[in-house]
PDB file of N, CA and C in Angstrom:
ATOM      1  N   MET A   1     112.975  73.715  80.384  1.00  0.00           N
ATOM      2  CA  MET A   1     113.351  72.904  81.517  1.00  0.00           C
ATOM      3  C   MET A   1     111.841  71.776  81.120  1.00  0.00           C
ATOM      4  N   ALA A   2     111.906  70.602  81.942  1.00  0.00           N
ATOM      5  CA  ALA A   2     110.853  69.237  81.724  1.00  0.00           C
ATOM      6  C   ALA A   2     110.269  69.329  82.326  1.00  0.00           C
ATOM      7  N   GLY A   3     108.845  69.027  81.840  1.00  0.00           N
ATOM      8  CA  GLY A   3     107.800  69.759  82.963  1.00  0.00           C
ATOM      9  C   GLY A   3     107.888  68.993  84.486  1.00  0.00           C
ATOM     10  N   THR A   4     108.008  67.838  84.047  1.00  0.00           N
ATOM     11  CA  THR A   4     108.168  66.982  85.517  1.00  0.00           C
ATOM     12  C   THR A   4     109.359  68.321  86.517  1.00  0.00           C
ATOM     13  N   LEU A   5     110.514  68.339  85.747  1.00  0.00           N
ATOM     14  CA  LEU A   5     111.394  69.041  86.284  1.00  0.00           C
ATOM     15  C   LEU A   5     110.961  70.492  87.359  1.00  0.00           C
ATOM     16  N   LYS A   6     110.427  71.149  86.184  1.00  0.00           N
ATOM     17  CA  LYS A   6     109.509  72.398  86.329  1.00  0.00           C
ATOM     18  C   LYS A   6     108.479  71.946  87.389  1.00  0.00           C
ATOM     19  N   LEU A   7     107.565  71.464  87.884  1.00  0.00           N
ATOM     20  CA  LEU A   7     106.947  70.795  88.579  1.00  0.00           C
ATOM     21  C   LEU A   7     107.737  70.901  89.856  1.00  0.00           C
ATOM     22  N   TYR A   8     108.594  69.672  90.046  1.00  0.00           N
ATOM     23  CA  TYR A   8     109.247  69.240  91.373  1.00  0.00           C
ATOM     24  C   TYR A   8     109.936  70.887  91.823  1.00  0.00           C
ATOM     25  N   TYR A   9     110.400  71.582  90.836  1.00  0.00           N
ATOM     26  CA  TYR A   9     111.145  73.168  91.078  1.00  0.00           C
ATOM     27  C   TYR A   9     109.994  73.771  91.945  1.00  0.00           C
ATOM     28  N   LEU A  10     108.885  73.896  91.132  1.00  0.00           N
ATOM     29  CA  LEU A  10     107.629  74.760  92.081  1.00  0.00           C
ATOM     30  C   LEU A  10     107.226  74.173  93.486  1.00  0.00           C
ATOM     31  N   LEU A  11     106.815  73.056  93.179  1.00  0.00           N
ATOM     32  CA  LEU A  11     106.150  72.322  94.569  1.00  0.00           C
ATOM     33  C   LEU A  11     107.666  72.644  95.377  1.00  0.00           C
ATOM     34  N   GLN A  12     108.682  72.483  94.953  1.00  0.00           N
ATOM     35  CA  GLN A  12     109.632  72.531  96.311  1.00  0.00           C
ATOM     36  C   GLN A  12     109.558  74.106  96.747  1.00  0.00           C
ATOM     37  N   THR A  13     109.787  75.045  96.072  1.00  0.00           N
ATOM     38  CA  THR A  13     109.914  76.609  95.758  1.00  0.00           C
ATOM     39  C   THR A  13     108.584  76.565  97.032  1.00  0.00           C
ATOM     40  N   ALA A  14     107.347  75.698  96.672  1.00  0.00           N
ATOM     41  CA  ALA A  14     106.153  76.479  97.352  1.00  0.00           C
ATOM     42  C   ALA A  14     106.273  75.644  98.945  1.00  0.00           C
ATOM     43  N   TYR A  15     106.953  74.769  98.936  1.00  0.00           N
ATOM     44  CA  TYR A  15     107.185  73.792 100.385  1.00  0.00           C
ATOM     45  C   TYR A  15     108.132  74.784 101.536  1.00  0.00           C
ATOM     46  N   TRP A  16     109.049  75.116 100.720  1.00  0.00           N
ATOM     47  CA  TRP A  16     110.409  76.172 101.552  1.00  0.00           C
ATOM     48  C   TRP A  16     109.341  77.526 101.820  1.00  0.00           C
ATOM     49  N   LEU A  17     108.644  78.300 101.292  1.00  0.00           N
ATOM     50  CA  LEU A  17     107.708  79.323 101.526  1.00  0.00           C
ATOM     51  C   LEU A  17     106.997  79.014 102.210  1.00  0.00           C
ATOM     52  N   GLN A  18     106.248  77.954 102.213  1.00  0.00           N
ATOM     53  CA  GLN A  18     105.176  77.632 103.514  1.00  0.00           C
ATOM     54  C   GLN A  18     105.884  77.641 104.985  1.00  0.00           C
ATOM     55  N   GLN A  19     107.060  76.735 105.130  1.00  0.00           N
ATOM     56  CA  GLN A  19     107.810  76.544 105.783  1.00  0.00           C
ATOM     57  C   GLN A  19     108.380  77.998 106.224  1.00  0.00           C
ATOM     58  N   PHE A  20     108.590  79.058 105.883  1.00  0.00           N
ATOM     59  CA  PHE A  20     109.052  80.075 106.431  1.00  0.00           C
ATOM     60  C   PHE A  20     108.266  80.861 106.930  1.00  0.00           C
ATOM     61  N   LEU A  21     106.874  80.735 106.325  1.00  0.00           N
ATOM     62  CA  LEU A  21     106.203  81.857 106.496  1.00  0.00           C
ATOM     63  C   LEU A  21     105.161  80.985 107.888  1.00  0.00           C
ATOM     64  N   LEU A  22     105.785  79.782 108.445  1.00  0.00           N
ATOM     65  CA  LEU A  22     105.139  79.403 109.705  1.00  0.00           C
ATOM     66  C   LEU A  22     106.044  79.620 110.798  1.00  0.00           C
ATOM     67  N   LEU A  23     106.966  80.066 110.076  1.00  0.00           N
ATOM     68  CA  LEU A  23     108.411  80.532 111.340  1.00  0.00           C
ATOM     69  C   LEU A  23     108.245  82.164 111.190  1.00  0.00           C
ATOM     70  N   VAL A  24     107.855  82.672 110.371  1.00  0.00           N
ATOM     71  CA  VAL A  24     107.483  84.140 110.376  1.00  0.00           C
ATOM     72  C   VAL A  24     107.066  84.549 111.277  1.00  0.00           C
ATOM     73  N   LEU A  25     105.400  84.080 110.888  1.00  0.00           N
ATOM     74  CA  LEU A  25     103.957  83.851 111.319  1.00  0.00           C
ATOM     75  C   LEU A  25     103.621  83.533 112.632  1.00  0.00           C
ATOM     76  N   GLY A  26     104.952  82.873 113.220  1.00  0.00           N
ATOM     77  CA  GLY A  26     104.731  82.163 114.601  1.00  0.00           C
ATOM     78  C   GLY A  26     103.704  81.394 115.449  1.00  0.00           C
ATOM     79  N   ILE A  27     103.487  80.765 113.444  1.00  0.00           N
ATOM     80  CA  ILE A  27     102.306  79.335 114.366  1.00  0.00           C
ATOM     81  C   ILE A  27     102.960  78.016 114.745  1.00  0.00           C
ATOM     82  N   GLU A  28     103.893  78.182 114.519  1.00  0.00           N
ATOM     83  CA  GLU A  28     104.869  76.717 115.158  1.00  0.00           C
ATOM     84  C   GLU A  28     105.554  77.363 116.604  1.00  0.00           C
ATOM     85  N   LYS A  29     105.693  76.548 117.909  1.00  0.00           N
ATOM     86  CA  LYS A  29     106.484  76.945 118.246  1.00  0.00           C
ATOM     87  C   LYS A  29     107.959  77.466 118.045  1.00  0.00           C
ATOM     88  N   PRO A  30     108.578  78.392 118.667  1.00  0.00           N
ATOM     89  CA  PRO A  30     109.922  78.810 118.430  1.00  0.00           C
ATOM     90  C   PRO A  30     110.861  77.422 118.797  1.00  0.00           C
ATOM     91  N   ARG A  31     111.690  77.420 118.564  1.00  0.00           N
ATOM     92  CA  ARG A  31     112.977  76.394 119.155  1.00  0.00           C
ATOM     93  C   ARG A  31     114.302  77.082 119.157  1.00  0.00           C
ATOM     94  N   ARG A  32     115.113  76.807 119.866  1.00  0.00           N
ATOM     95  CA  ARG A  32     116.275  77.421 120.141  1.00  0.00           C
ATOM     96  C   ARG A  32     116.974  78.170 119.165  1.00  0.00           C
ATOM     97  N   ASP A  33     116.799  77.406 117.635  1.00  0.00           N
ATOM     98  CA  ASP A  33     117.464  77.539 116.943  1.00  0.00           C
ATOM     99  C   ASP A  33     116.464  78.400 115.851  1.00  0.00           C
ATOM    100  N   PHE A  34     115.786  79.269 116.270  1.00  0.00           N
ATOM    101  CA  PHE A  34     114.645  80.120 115.756  1.00  0.00           C
ATOM    102  C   PHE A  34     115.429  80.651 114.361  1.00  0.00           C
ATOM    103  N   TYR A  35     116.296  81.749 114.634  1.00  0.00           N
ATOM    104  CA  TYR A  35     117.076  82.684 114.346  1.00  0.00           C
ATOM    105  C   TYR A  35     117.912  81.772 112.832  1.00  0.00           C
ATOM    106  N   GLU A  36     118.441  81.040 113.214  1.00  0.00           N
ATOM    107  CA  GLU A  36     119.270  80.329 112.203  1.00  0.00           C
ATOM    108  C   GLU A  36     118.402  79.641 111.582  1.00  0.00           C
ATOM    109  N   LEU A  37     117.600  79.642 111.879  1.00  0.00           N
ATOM    110  CA  LEU A  37     116.395  78.571 110.824  1.00  0.00           C
ATOM    111  C   LEU A  37     115.755  79.648 109.833  1.00  0.00           C
ATOM    112  N   VAL A  38     115.294  80.507 110.631  1.00  0.00           N
ATOM    113  CA  VAL A  38     115.019  81.455 109.763  1.00  0.00           C
ATOM    114  C   VAL A  38     116.110  82.080 108.299  1.00  0.00           C
ATOM    115  N   ALA A  39     116.997  82.431 109.208  1.00  0.00           N
ATOM    116  CA  ALA A  39     117.941  82.802 108.201  1.00  0.00           C
ATOM    117  C   ALA A  39     118.019  81.670 106.876  1.00  0.00           C
ATOM    118  N   HIS A  40     118.262  80.147 107.351  1.00  0.00           N
ATOM    119  CA  HIS A  40     118.536  79.301 106.530  1.00  0.00           C
ATOM    120  C   HIS A  40     117.546  79.066 105.120  1.00  0.00           C
ATOM    121  N   HIS A  41     115.768  79.562 105.986  1.00  0.00           N
ATOM    122  CA  HIS A  41     115.175  79.664 104.958  1.00  0.00           C
ATOM    123  C   HIS A  41     115.197  80.861 104.057  1.00  0.00           C
ATOM    124  N   ILE A  42     115.390  82.007 104.477  1.00  0.00           N
ATOM    125  CA  ILE A  42     115.973  82.964 103.566  1.00  0.00           C
ATOM    126  C   ILE A  42     116.810  82.909 102.565  1.00  0.00           C
ATOM    127  N   ILE A  43     117.969  82.394 102.759  1.00  0.00           N
ATOM    128  CA  ILE A  43     118.987  82.268 101.933  1.00  0.00           C
ATOM    129  C   ILE A  43     118.817  81.105 101.165  1.00  0.00           C
ATOM    130  N   THR A  44     117.886  80.049 101.518  1.00  0.00           N
ATOM    131  CA  THR A  44     117.383  78.874 100.295  1.00  0.00           C
ATOM    132  C   THR A  44     116.760  79.395  99.593  1.00  0.00           C
ATOM    133  N   LEU A  45     115.699  80.205  99.704  1.00  0.00           N
ATOM    134  CA  LEU A  45     114.847  80.612  99.185  1.00  0.00           C
ATOM    135  C   LEU A  45     115.249  81.747  98.504  1.00  0.00           C
ATOM    136  N   TRP A  46     116.027  82.537  98.121  1.00  0.00           N
ATOM    137  CA  TRP A  46     116.395  83.605  97.579  1.00  0.00           C
ATOM    138  C   TRP A  46     117.640  82.795  96.538  1.00  0.00           C
ATOM    139  N   MET A  47     118.155  81.848  97.059  1.00  0.00           N
ATOM    140  CA  MET A  47     119.124  80.888  96.170  1.00  0.00           C
ATOM    141  C   MET A  47     118.542  80.625  95.090  1.00  0.00           C
ATOM    142  N   VAL A  48     117.023  79.769  95.174  1.00  0.00           N
ATOM    143  CA  VAL A  48     115.968  79.192  94.121  1.00  0.00           C
ATOM    144  C   VAL A  48     115.275  80.121  93.442  1.00  0.00           C
ATOM    145  N   ILE A  49     114.943  81.245  94.436  1.00  0.00           N
ATOM    146  CA  ILE A  49     114.096  81.913  93.220  1.00  0.00           C
ATOM    147  C   ILE A  49     114.696  82.595  92.266  1.00  0.00           C
ATOM    148  N   TRP A  50     116.330  82.792  92.656  1.00  0.00           N
ATOM    149  CA  TRP A  50     117.240  83.871  91.697  1.00  0.00           C
ATOM    150  C   TRP A  50     117.762  82.803  91.025  1.00  0.00           C
ATOM    151  N   SER A  51     118.349  81.876  91.048  1.00  0.00           N
ATOM    152  CA  SER A  51     118.512  80.991  89.775  1.00  0.00           C
ATOM    153  C   SER A  51     117.272  80.434  89.241  1.00  0.00           C
ATOM    154  N   TYR A  52     116.493  80.220  89.481  1.00  0.00           N
ATOM    155  CA  TYR A  52     114.819  80.687  88.571  1.00  0.00           C
ATOM    156  C   TYR A  52     115.088  82.072  87.851  1.00  0.00           C
ATOM    157  N   ILE A  53     115.025  83.056  88.089  1.00  0.00           N
ATOM    158  CA  ILE A  53     114.560  84.276  87.287  1.00  0.00           C
ATOM    159  C   ILE A  53     115.980  84.010  86.217  1.00  0.00           C
ATOM    160  N   MET A  54     117.378  83.823  86.954  1.00  0.00           N
ATOM    161  CA  MET A  54     118.418  84.059  85.629  1.00  0.00           C
ATOM    162  C   MET A  54     118.319  82.486  84.648  1.00  0.00           C
ATOM    163  N   ASN A  55     117.595  81.549  84.994  1.00  0.00           N
ATOM    164  CA  ASN A  55     117.417  80.538  84.096  1.00  0.00           C
ATOM    165  C   ASN A  55     118.570  79.809  84.439  1.00  0.00           C
ATOM    166  N   MET A  56     118.937  79.792  85.834  1.00  0.00           N
ATOM    167  CA  MET A  56     119.968  78.470  86.127  1.00  0.00           C
ATOM    168  C   MET A  56     119.129  77.861  86.870  1.00  0.00           C
ATOM    169  N   THR A  57     118.037  76.941  86.554  1.00  0.00           N
ATOM    170  CA  THR A  57     117.484  75.397  87.078  1.00  0.00           C
ATOM    171  C   THR A  57     118.065  75.104  87.114  1.00  0.00           C
ATOM    172  N   LEU A  58     118.977  74.522  86.782  1.00  0.00           N
ATOM    173  CA  LEU A  58     119.921  73.012  86.935  1.00  0.00           C
ATOM    174  C   LEU A  58     120.500  73.285  88.901  1.00  0.00           C
ATOM    175  N   THR A  59     121.463  74.485  88.554  1.00  0.00           N
ATOM    176  CA  THR A  59     121.498  75.409  90.070  1.00  0.00           C
ATOM    177  C   THR A  59     120.947  74.881  91.447  1.00  0.00           C
ATOM    178  N   GLY A  60     119.532  75.103  90.821  1.00  0.00           N
ATOM    179  CA  GLY A  60     118.146  75.556  91.771  1.00  0.00           C
ATOM    180  C   GLY A  60     118.271  73.996  92.033  1.00  0.00           C
ATOM    181  N   ASN A  61     117.682  73.329  91.503  1.00  0.00           N
ATOM    182  CA  ASN A  61     117.508  71.721  91.481  1.00  0.00           C
ATOM    183  C   ASN A  61     119.129  70.987  92.024  1.00  0.00           C
ATOM    184  N   ILE A  62     119.728  70.909  92.083  1.00  0.00           N
ATOM    185  CA  ILE A  62     121.200  70.601  92.766  1.00  0.00           C
ATOM    186  C   ILE A  62     120.974  70.997  94.616  1.00  0.00           C
ATOM    187  N   ILE A  63     120.662  72.723  94.620  1.00  0.00           N
ATOM    188  CA  ILE A  63     120.115  73.007  96.088  1.00  0.00           C
ATOM    189  C   ILE A  63     118.642  72.216  96.555  1.00  0.00           C
ATOM    190  N   PHE A  64     117.703  71.719  95.899  1.00  0.00           N
ATOM    191  CA  PHE A  64     116.904  71.092  96.392  1.00  0.00           C
ATOM    192  C   PHE A  64     117.050  69.714  96.704  1.00  0.00           C
ATOM    193  N   LEU A  65     117.890  69.159  95.802  1.00  0.00           N
ATOM    194  CA  LEU A  65     118.605  67.838  95.871  1.00  0.00           C
ATOM    195  C   LEU A  65     119.158  67.860  97.563  1.00  0.00           C
ATOM    196  N   THR A  66     120.080  68.764  97.711  1.00  0.00           N
ATOM    197  CA  THR A  66     121.591  68.740  98.965  1.00  0.00           C
ATOM    198  C   THR A  66     120.394  68.771 100.169  1.00  0.00           C
ATOM    199  N   MET A  67     119.359  69.802  99.833  1.00  0.00           N
ATOM    200  CA  MET A  67     118.396  69.787 101.252  1.00  0.00           C
ATOM    201  C   MET A  67     117.601  69.126 101.649  1.00  0.00           C
ATOM    202  N   ASP A  68     117.185  68.096 100.429  1.00  0.00           N
ATOM    203  CA  ASP A  68     116.456  66.908 100.474  1.00  0.00           C
ATOM    204  C   ASP A  68     117.180  65.573 101.147  1.00  0.00           C
ATOM    205  N   TRP A  69     118.618  65.544 100.616  1.00  0.00           N
ATOM    206  CA  TRP A  69     118.999  64.369 101.398  1.00  0.00           C
ATOM    207  C   TRP A  69     119.550  64.938 103.010  1.00  0.00           C
ATOM    208  N   SER A  70     119.991  65.992 103.217  1.00  0.00           N
ATOM    209  CA  SER A  70     120.222  66.727 104.119  1.00  0.00           C
ATOM    210  C   SER A  70     119.859  66.427 105.200  1.00  0.00           C
ATOM    211  N   ASP A  71     117.876  67.022 105.082  1.00  0.00           N
ATOM    212  CA  ASP A  71     116.858  66.461 105.743  1.00  0.00           C
ATOM    213  C   ASP A  71     116.398  65.280 106.464  1.00  0.00           C
ATOM    214  N   VAL A  72     116.789  64.004 105.514  1.00  0.00           N
ATOM    215  CA  VAL A  72     116.765  62.827 106.192  1.00  0.00           C
ATOM    216  C   VAL A  72     117.509  62.524 107.156  1.00  0.00           C
ATOM    217  N   PHE A  73     118.849  62.543 106.840  1.00  0.00           N
ATOM    218  CA  PHE A  73     120.195  62.440 107.302  1.00  0.00           C
ATOM    219  C   PHE A  73     119.629  63.547 109.038  1.00  0.00           C
ATOM    220  N   LEU A  74     119.421  64.530 109.275  1.00  0.00           N
ATOM    221  CA  LEU A  74     119.099  65.682 109.851  1.00  0.00           C
ATOM    222  C   LEU A  74     117.835  65.035 111.071  1.00  0.00           C
ATOM    223  N   ALA A  75     116.787  64.902 110.240  1.00  0.00           N
ATOM    224  CA  ALA A  75     115.613  63.930 110.917  1.00  0.00           C
ATOM    225  C   ALA A  75     116.087  62.473 111.951  1.00  0.00           C
ATOM    226  N   VAL A  76     117.058  61.886 110.976  1.00  0.00           N
ATOM    227  CA  VAL A  76     117.308  60.793 111.748  1.00  0.00           C
ATOM    228  C   VAL A  76     118.029  60.767 113.393  1.00  0.00           C
ATOM    229  N   CYS A  77     119.102  62.039 112.790  1.00  0.00           N
ATOM    230  CA  CYS A  77     119.362  62.523 113.841  1.00  0.00           C
ATOM    231  C   CYS A  77     118.742  63.130 114.788  1.00  0.00           C
ATOM    232  N   THR A  78     117.970  63.640 114.976  1.00  0.00           N
ATOM    233  CA  THR A  78     117.100  64.178 115.510  1.00  0.00           C
ATOM    234  C   THR A  78     116.106  63.316 116.599  1.00  0.00           C
ATOM    235  N   LEU A  79     115.574  62.333 116.070  1.00  0.00           N
ATOM    236  CA  LEU A  79     115.339  61.163 116.049  1.00  0.00           C
ATOM    237  C   LEU A  79     115.773  60.265 117.236  1.00  0.00           C
ATOM    238  N   SER A  80     116.957  59.971 116.730  1.00  0.00           N
ATOM    239  CA  SER A  80     117.608  58.919 117.573  1.00  0.00           C
ATOM    240  C   SER A  80     118.614  59.560 119.107  1.00  0.00           C
ATOM    241  N   ALA A  81     118.569  61.234 118.838  1.00  0.00           N
ATOM    242  CA  ALA A  81     118.674  62.085 119.966  1.00  0.00           C
ATOM    243  C   ALA A  81     117.739  62.355 121.220  1.00  0.00           C
ATOM    244  N   ASN A  82     116.171  62.555 120.805  1.00  0.00           N
ATOM    245  CA  ASN A  82     115.232  62.409 121.238  1.00  0.00           C
ATOM    246  C   ASN A  82     115.011  61.613 121.791  1.00  0.00           C
ATOM    247  N   LEU A  83     115.171  59.973 120.855  1.00  0.00           N
ATOM    248  CA  LEU A  83     114.691  58.737 121.945  1.00  0.00           C
ATOM    249  C   LEU A  83     115.910  58.352 123.017  1.00  0.00           C
ATOM    250  N   PHE A  84     116.912  58.703 122.546  1.00  0.00           N
ATOM    251  CA  PHE A  84     117.999  58.401 123.550  1.00  0.00           C
ATOM    252  C   PHE A  84     117.604  59.407 124.918  1.00  0.00           C
ATOM    253  N   ARG A  85     117.011  60.802 124.938  1.00  0.00           N
ATOM    254  CA  ARG A  85     117.153  61.928 125.890  1.00  0.00           C
ATOM    255  C   ARG A  85     115.688  60.977 126.756  1.00  0.00           C
ATOM    256  N   LYS A  86     115.094  60.374 126.257  1.00  0.00           N
ATOM    257  CA  LYS A  86     113.416  60.348 126.807  1.00  0.00           C
ATOM    258  C   LYS A  86     114.089  58.542 127.839  1.00  0.00           C
ATOM    259  N   VAL A  87     114.722  57.704 126.957  1.00  0.00           N
ATOM    260  CA  VAL A  87     115.381  56.425 127.456  1.00  0.00           C
ATOM    261  C   VAL A  87     115.919  56.907 128.752  1.00  0.00           C
ATOM    262  N   TYR A  88     116.908  57.566 128.637  1.00  0.00           N
ATOM    263  CA  TYR A  88     118.047  57.126 129.760  1.00  0.00           C
ATOM    264  C   TYR A  88     118.082  58.197 130.614  1.00  0.00           C
TER     265      TYR A  88
END
């Protein structure tokens, strides 16, 4: 694996692990979808770590890219929903 791709892989894994720990340790205020979010982080971390162990890093990077793009749309939808709720 190329050095920059490995750096991206490891940074993304660290980010997802940090997000999971924030949820589990209760540092952030729990949301309505707390259990779904924890399950989502567990499954994502499992897929990525397993793909790294099995040397299927292309699969892990595809998972990361899918999550990155969906996070953009999810943030925009959340922002618009919150703005609409507060304005009207």
